[in-house]
Amino acid sequence: MLFWELRKLRRIMRLEMRRLVKTLVQLLMIMLSKPIHPENNGCTAFKC
């Protein structure tokens, strides 16, 4: 009984981690796409 509960909990945790990672990646992309130097023609981390 306890074993099954633990397995279910681990699956939920893994799903939560995946969602958290996805959110973090989205935040990182937003931060990277924002202009680093606004006065410099709006250059981003990837392109000018």
C-alpha atoms as a PDB file:
ATOM      1  CA  MET A   1       0.000   0.000   0.000  1.00  0.00           C
ATOM      2  CA  LEU A   2       2.680   2.459   1.065  1.00  0.00           C
ATOM      3  CA  PHE A   3       4.800   1.425  -1.915  1.00  0.00           C
ATOM      4  CA  TRP A   4       2.030   2.341  -4.356  1.00  0.00           C
ATOM      5  CA  GLU A   5       1.488   5.678  -2.625  1.00  0.00           C
ATOM      6  CA  LEU A   6       5.192   6.433  -2.954  1.00  0.00           C
ATOM      7  CA  ARG A   7       5.170   5.561  -6.642  1.00  0.00           C
ATOM      8  CA  LYS A   8       2.155   7.769  -7.267  1.00  0.00           C
ATOM      9  CA  LEU A   9       3.823  10.598  -5.343  1.00  0.00           C
ATOM     10  CA  ARG A  10       7.010  10.229  -7.364  1.00  0.00           C
ATOM     11  CA  ARG A  11       5.063  10.417 -10.624  1.00  0.00           C
ATOM     12  CA  ILE A  12       3.296  13.585  -9.473  1.00  0.00           C
ATOM     13  CA  MET A  13       6.635  15.069  -8.414  1.00  0.00           C
ATOM     14  CA  ARG A  14       8.161  14.289 -11.808  1.00  0.00           C
ATOM     15  CA  LEU A  15       5.243  15.950 -13.602  1.00  0.00           C
ATOM     16  CA  GLU A  16       5.529  19.001 -11.354  1.00  0.00           C
ATOM     17  CA  MET A  17       9.270  19.205 -12.000  1.00  0.00           C
ATOM     18  CA  ARG A  18       8.694  19.094 -15.755  1.00  0.00           C
ATOM     19  CA  ARG A  19       6.157  21.920 -15.513  1.00  0.00           C
ATOM     20  CA  LEU A  20       8.517  23.939 -13.320  1.00  0.00           C
ATOM     21  CA  VAL A  21      11.393  23.445 -15.764  1.00  0.00           C
ATOM     22  CA  LYS A  22       9.163  24.502 -18.662  1.00  0.00           C
ATOM     23  CA  THR A  23       8.191  27.676 -16.790  1.00  0.00           C
ATOM     24  CA  LEU A  24      11.833  28.425 -15.959  1.00  0.00           C
ATOM     25  CA  VAL A  25      12.855  27.956 -19.597  1.00  0.00           C
ATOM     26  CA  GLN A  26      10.101  30.344 -20.708  1.00  0.00           C
ATOM     27  CA  LEU A  27      11.288  32.932 -18.178  1.00  0.00           C
ATOM     28  CA  LEU A  28      14.867  32.517 -19.372  1.00  0.00           C
ATOM     29  CA  MET A  29      13.844  32.965 -23.007  1.00  0.00           C
ATOM     30  CA  ILE A  30      11.903  36.130 -22.114  1.00  0.00           C
ATOM     31  CA  MET A  31      14.914  37.485 -20.229  1.00  0.00           C
ATOM     32  CA  LEU A  32      17.254  36.672 -23.115  1.00  0.00           C
ATOM     33  CA  SER A  33      14.957  38.201 -25.722  1.00  0.00           C
ATOM     34  CA  LYS A  34      14.708  41.476 -23.810  1.00  0.00           C
ATOM     35  CA  PRO A  35      17.112  44.184 -24.955  1.00  0.00           C
ATOM     36  CA  ILE A  36      20.262  44.184 -22.834  1.00  0.00           C
ATOM     37  CA  HIS A  37      21.192  47.754 -23.826  1.00  0.00           C
ATOM     38  CA  PRO A  38      17.996  49.632 -24.719  1.00  0.00           C
ATOM     39  CA  GLU A  39      19.987  52.608 -26.024  1.00  0.00           C
ATOM     40  CA  ASN A  40      21.958  50.353 -28.385  1.00  0.00           C
ATOM     41  CA  ASN A  41      19.256  49.896 -31.064  1.00  0.00           C
ATOM     42  CA  GLY A  42      17.513  47.278 -28.923  1.00  0.00           C
ATOM     43  CA  CYS A  43      20.156  44.561 -29.247  1.00  0.00           C
ATOM     44  CA  THR A  44      19.251  41.203 -27.712  1.00  0.00           C
ATOM     45  CA  ALA A  45      21.500  38.384 -26.537  1.00  0.00           C
ATOM     46  CA  PHE A  46      21.089  36.690 -29.938  1.00  0.00           C
ATOM     47  CA  LYS A  47      20.802  39.344 -32.636  1.00  0.00           C
ATOM     48  CA  CYS A  48      21.402  43.032 -33.293  1.00  0.00           C
END
